[in-house]
Each structure stands twice: as C-alpha cells, then as structure tokens.
Amino acid sequence: MKEIFEWKRLLLNDLPWTFLAEVSFRTIVMFIVVLATLKLTGKRGVKQLSVFEVVIIISLGSAAGDPMFYEDVGLLPAITVFLIILFMYRGVTWLLGKSKKFENFMEGVPICIIEDGQFSLASFEKEDLAQDEFFAELRLRGIEHLGQVRYAYIETNGAISVYFYDDTDVKFGLPIRPQPFNRKSTEIPKSGIYACSFCANTQRLEPTSGTCTVCNNKEWVTAINIKRVK
C-alpha cells in the first residue's frame, strides 16, 4: 500500500535520476514539434500573442497540469520541463534579437491585405484568412464597404490595421454588410458600377453578365460609395 509523502515517489515516481535526462530530451522534441505545427498551420498569432508565445503557454500549461493531480507524475520531471522551456525561451529570444531572418520566421512580417479598396490576392490567399472572418473584423471598425479603405494590414500579432480614405476620396467599393453582400449574383440587372465578390475590383457593367478583369470571377455585388460614419 502506498503512503502519502513518500519522497522518492513524490519527486521521481520511483524512477532513476537518469530519467531526468530523458525528460529533457522529450521536452526539447515536443517544444519543437508544437512550434513547427503552429507555424505550418499558417496562423500568425492569437490576437496579441505570437506563435512563439502560444508555444510557451501550451508547453508550460502541460508541464504544470499533470503533476498537480496525477500521482504517477513526479515533481522533479515537471520542474525539469520548466527549466528546459525557460532555457529554450531565453535562447529563442536571444536569436530574435540577433537575426532578422529568424525574427521574420518566428514573428512574421506585416502583410498588406487591402490596397486601394481591393484585395491583394496573393497576400489574401497566402494568409489562409476566411473572407467572412476578415469582413467581421472590418465591420467592428464601422466599415461598410471597401471603398472606404485605402490600406489594411495583418500585423505580426494577428491584429488588423486599417488606413482610411478621406471622405472626399471615398470611392465605390464592395459592401461588406451581410445583407447587401449576400445578394451577389452572376446576372447584371441594369447598367452601373459593381464590385467583384471575390477580389473587390470595381467595374462599370452592362446587362446581363460580366467577368472580373482581375480574377475572372463572375459574381457581382452592387458597389456603394457611402462615406464612413465616424
């Protein structure tokens, strides 16, 4: 029968001291695996957290949680995990300050997603960002259509920075409110200015159909040029 506060079991779960070397190796491997996995998903960050910071949180959370309530997990292996993660954190932050290439790989660089009221297609497709998700972010800033937006950037922490046109320079753009956007159609009912539902390119079209000169899309939304409400 096991007794409480058996120090050898409490600290190492009756394992040899050399097991700490294996714990160190496991921690380094899993740290790299978690970091590589998050980088490969294409996510730049979770709002104000960088991918690197997310890895630290996940790693420390896992290391701290198990020894709290699993009796078969010793305290010393968990403490060793913390020390290894701290060492790797210091090493990575040192490299961030020494190498611009490594910093760009870890933290990313700001990406221009909208330029002159239209999507930068190469950047938008590369960032794996859903159109609905992006529109929701813009609506929260009181933006009604892309003709109000001069530039929009995805920052390295995942936040979106927006630069607006002056009221006198607002042009026709793609509506991003759900009601008008969902009325997109391949049929052009009357002559007017329309916005491509995919890339937000605006063109004057005549009935009864049209093809976007930028992305070859055939679905259109009636463009609007309403000034931004401040």
Protein backbone atom coordinates (compact mmCIF):
# COMPACT_ATOMS: atom_id res chain seq x y z
CA MET A 1 0.00 0.00 0.00
CA LYS A 2 1.36 3.40 -0.96
CA GLU A 3 1.90 6.03 1.67
CA ILE A 4 1.46 9.76 1.20
CA PHE A 5 4.55 11.96 1.11
CA GLU A 6 6.85 9.16 0.01
CA TRP A 7 9.60 11.48 -1.19
CA LYS A 8 11.12 9.20 -3.79
CA ARG A 9 7.71 8.55 -5.35
CA LEU A 10 6.68 12.20 -4.96
CA LEU A 11 9.78 13.54 -6.66
CA LEU A 12 10.56 10.90 -9.27
CA ASN A 13 7.74 8.33 -9.07
CA ASP A 14 10.30 5.68 -8.11
CA LEU A 15 12.24 6.25 -11.35
CA PRO A 16 16.03 6.59 -11.51
CA TRP A 17 17.62 10.05 -11.52
CA THR A 18 18.83 9.44 -15.06
CA PHE A 19 15.19 9.70 -16.16
CA LEU A 20 15.58 13.49 -15.93
CA ALA A 21 17.86 13.34 -18.99
CA GLU A 22 15.07 11.62 -20.91
CA VAL A 23 12.61 14.27 -19.69
CA SER A 24 14.93 16.98 -21.04
CA PHE A 25 15.09 15.26 -24.43
CA ARG A 26 11.29 14.76 -24.52
CA THR A 27 10.70 18.43 -23.67
CA ILE A 28 13.01 19.73 -26.40
CA VAL A 29 11.45 17.42 -29.00
CA MET A 30 7.85 18.31 -28.07
CA PHE A 31 8.66 22.02 -27.89
CA ILE A 32 9.99 21.92 -31.45
CA VAL A 33 7.04 19.78 -32.62
CA VAL A 34 4.46 22.19 -31.16
CA LEU A 35 6.30 25.21 -32.61
CA ALA A 36 6.61 23.64 -36.07
CA THR A 37 2.96 22.54 -36.06
CA LEU A 38 1.68 26.01 -35.25
CA LYS A 39 3.94 27.56 -37.88
CA LEU A 40 2.75 25.10 -40.54
CA THR A 41 -0.91 25.90 -39.83
CA GLY A 42 -0.24 29.40 -41.17
CA LYS A 43 -1.59 31.16 -38.08
CA ARG A 44 0.41 34.30 -37.39
CA GLY A 45 -0.72 34.60 -33.80
CA VAL A 46 -3.67 34.58 -31.46
CA LYS A 47 -4.59 38.26 -31.30
CA GLN A 48 -1.91 39.78 -29.06
CA LEU A 49 0.11 36.56 -28.74
CA SER A 50 2.76 35.47 -31.20
CA VAL A 51 3.11 31.84 -32.27
CA PHE A 52 6.21 31.59 -30.06
CA GLU A 53 4.29 32.82 -27.01
CA VAL A 54 1.47 30.36 -27.70
CA VAL A 55 4.02 27.53 -27.74
CA ILE A 56 5.40 28.68 -24.37
CA ILE A 57 1.89 28.78 -22.85
CA ILE A 58 0.96 25.34 -24.19
CA SER A 59 4.23 23.80 -23.03
CA LEU A 60 4.14 25.30 -19.55
CA GLY A 61 0.46 24.50 -19.14
CA SER A 62 1.04 20.85 -19.96
CA ALA A 63 4.07 20.64 -17.69
CA ALA A 64 2.28 22.27 -14.76
CA GLY A 65 -1.02 20.43 -15.07
CA ASP A 66 -0.04 16.77 -14.90
CA PRO A 67 1.95 16.76 -11.64
CA MET A 68 -0.85 18.66 -9.90
CA PHE A 69 -3.24 15.70 -9.85
CA TYR A 70 -1.55 12.64 -11.38
CA GLU A 71 0.18 10.69 -8.64
CA ASP A 72 2.30 8.82 -11.15
CA VAL A 73 3.95 12.05 -12.38
CA GLY A 74 6.86 13.17 -10.24
CA LEU A 75 7.58 16.81 -9.39
CA LEU A 76 11.22 16.82 -10.47
CA PRO A 77 10.48 15.81 -14.10
CA ALA A 78 7.92 18.62 -14.27
CA ILE A 79 10.38 21.11 -12.80
CA THR A 80 12.98 19.91 -15.30
CA VAL A 81 10.48 20.65 -18.10
CA PHE A 82 10.07 24.20 -16.79
CA LEU A 83 13.82 24.74 -16.69
CA ILE A 84 14.30 23.40 -20.21
CA ILE A 85 11.47 25.59 -21.56
CA LEU A 86 12.96 28.62 -19.78
CA PHE A 87 16.34 27.83 -21.32
CA MET A 88 14.80 27.50 -24.80
CA TYR A 89 12.81 30.69 -24.30
CA ARG A 90 15.99 32.57 -23.47
CA GLY A 91 17.73 31.04 -26.45
CA VAL A 92 14.96 31.89 -28.89
CA THR A 93 14.60 35.49 -27.64
CA TRP A 94 18.38 35.91 -27.96
CA LEU A 95 18.22 34.68 -31.57
CA LEU A 96 15.29 37.03 -32.26
CA GLY A 97 17.47 39.95 -31.28
CA LYS A 98 20.48 38.76 -33.28
CA SER A 99 18.97 37.53 -36.55
CA LYS A 100 16.44 39.48 -38.63
CA LYS A 101 15.73 36.41 -40.76
CA PHE A 102 14.97 34.32 -37.68
CA GLU A 103 12.79 37.13 -36.28
CA ASN A 104 10.80 37.28 -39.53
CA PHE A 105 10.39 33.49 -39.48
CA MET A 106 9.20 33.40 -35.87
CA GLU A 107 7.21 36.61 -35.64
CA GLY A 108 6.28 37.09 -39.29
CA VAL A 109 6.04 40.43 -41.10
CA PRO A 110 3.07 42.76 -41.64
CA ILE A 111 1.09 41.77 -44.74
CA CYS A 112 -0.91 44.22 -46.87
CA ILE A 113 -4.28 42.56 -47.41
CA ILE A 114 -6.18 45.50 -48.98
CA GLU A 115 -4.70 48.12 -51.27
CA ASP A 116 -6.76 50.95 -52.74
CA GLY A 117 -10.04 49.33 -51.75
CA GLN A 118 -9.28 45.95 -53.33
CA PHE A 119 -7.88 42.68 -52.04
CA SER A 120 -4.23 41.95 -52.67
CA LEU A 121 -4.98 38.48 -53.99
CA ALA A 122 -1.54 36.95 -53.43
CA SER A 123 -1.48 38.06 -49.78
CA PHE A 124 -5.10 37.17 -49.08
CA GLU A 125 -4.76 33.61 -50.39
CA LYS A 126 -1.40 33.12 -48.68
CA GLU A 127 -2.71 34.14 -45.27
CA ASP A 128 -5.44 31.49 -45.21
CA LEU A 129 -7.91 34.07 -43.89
CA ALA A 130 -11.63 33.46 -44.38
CA GLN A 131 -13.42 36.32 -46.12
CA ASP A 132 -16.28 36.31 -43.59
CA GLU A 133 -13.82 36.48 -40.70
CA PHE A 134 -11.99 39.40 -42.28
CA PHE A 135 -15.22 41.27 -43.05
CA ALA A 136 -16.34 40.82 -39.43
CA GLU A 137 -13.12 42.47 -38.24
CA LEU A 138 -13.70 45.43 -40.55
CA ARG A 139 -17.38 45.81 -39.56
CA LEU A 140 -16.32 46.10 -35.93
CA ARG A 141 -14.41 49.22 -37.01
CA GLY A 142 -17.55 50.71 -38.56
CA ILE A 143 -16.52 50.00 -42.15
CA GLU A 144 -19.45 49.50 -44.53
CA HIS A 145 -17.65 48.92 -47.83
CA LEU A 146 -14.08 48.51 -49.05
CA GLY A 147 -14.16 51.77 -50.97
CA GLN A 148 -13.62 53.44 -47.58
CA VAL A 149 -10.35 51.54 -47.02
CA ARG A 150 -7.08 52.72 -48.51
CA TYR A 151 -4.87 50.05 -46.90
CA ALA A 152 -5.38 47.19 -44.45
CA TYR A 153 -2.56 45.16 -42.90
CA ILE A 154 -2.43 41.97 -40.90
CA GLU A 155 0.12 42.68 -38.19
CA THR A 156 2.53 40.12 -36.78
CA ASN A 157 0.31 39.62 -33.70
CA GLY A 158 -2.76 38.85 -35.83
CA ALA A 159 -4.41 42.26 -35.36
CA ILE A 160 -5.68 44.21 -38.38
CA SER A 161 -4.57 47.79 -39.00
CA VAL A 162 -6.72 49.95 -41.28
CA TYR A 163 -5.93 53.22 -43.09
CA PHE A 164 -8.95 55.10 -44.39
CA TYR A 165 -9.59 57.37 -47.33
CA ASP A 166 -10.61 60.92 -46.56
CA ASP A 167 -14.33 61.47 -47.04
CA THR A 168 -13.66 63.37 -50.24
CA ASP A 169 -11.69 60.42 -51.65
CA VAL A 170 -14.07 57.56 -50.75
CA LYS A 171 -14.80 55.57 -53.90
CA PHE A 172 -17.19 52.83 -54.95
CA GLY A 173 -16.41 49.59 -53.16
CA LEU A 174 -17.60 46.12 -52.22
CA PRO A 175 -20.27 46.19 -49.46
CA ILE A 176 -19.25 44.00 -46.52
CA ARG A 177 -22.50 44.03 -44.57
CA PRO A 178 -24.13 40.56 -44.86
CA GLN A 179 -27.42 41.77 -46.37
CA PRO A 180 -26.09 43.52 -49.49
CA PHE A 181 -23.14 41.15 -49.92
CA ASN A 182 -25.37 38.06 -49.89
CA ARG A 183 -27.32 39.50 -52.83
CA LYS A 184 -24.32 38.78 -55.08
CA SER A 185 -25.27 37.40 -58.46
CA THR A 186 -23.89 36.46 -61.85
CA GLU A 187 -26.69 38.45 -63.51
CA ILE A 188 -26.36 42.19 -64.02
CA PRO A 189 -29.91 43.65 -63.85
CA LYS A 190 -29.03 47.17 -65.01
CA SER A 191 -26.10 49.34 -66.00
CA GLY A 192 -23.98 50.55 -63.11
CA ILE A 193 -20.85 50.11 -61.02
CA TYR A 194 -20.43 46.67 -59.49
CA ALA A 195 -17.83 45.10 -57.20
CA CYS A 196 -16.38 41.65 -57.69
CA SER A 197 -17.49 39.46 -54.77
CA PHE A 198 -14.07 37.78 -54.61
CA CYS A 199 -11.36 40.41 -55.11
CA ALA A 200 -13.47 43.61 -54.66
CA ASN A 201 -12.43 45.02 -58.05
CA THR A 202 -14.99 47.56 -59.24
CA GLN A 203 -16.16 47.87 -62.85
CA ARG A 204 -18.95 49.53 -64.77
CA LEU A 205 -21.04 46.72 -66.21
CA GLU A 206 -23.91 46.41 -68.64
CA PRO A 207 -26.66 43.76 -68.54
CA THR A 208 -26.70 40.83 -68.37
CA SER A 209 -23.35 39.43 -67.12
CA GLY A 210 -19.70 40.31 -66.64
CA THR A 211 -16.30 38.84 -65.88
CA CYS A 212 -13.86 40.42 -63.44
CA THR A 213 -10.78 41.71 -65.23
CA VAL A 214 -8.59 40.93 -62.19
CA CYS A 215 -9.62 37.45 -61.00
CA ASN A 216 -12.08 36.22 -63.69
CA ASN A 217 -14.84 35.86 -61.10
CA LYS A 218 -18.40 36.19 -62.43
CA GLU A 219 -20.31 37.05 -59.22
CA TRP A 220 -21.01 40.71 -58.56
CA VAL A 221 -22.43 42.97 -55.87
CA THR A 222 -23.80 46.44 -56.47
CA ALA A 223 -21.00 48.79 -55.37
CA ILE A 224 -21.66 51.69 -52.99
CA ASN A 225 -19.68 54.82 -52.10
CA ILE A 226 -21.19 55.82 -48.77
CA LYS A 227 -18.89 57.91 -46.58
CA ARG A 228 -17.72 56.42 -43.30
CA VAL A 229 -19.72 57.26 -40.15
CA LYS A 230 -17.25 58.50 -37.52
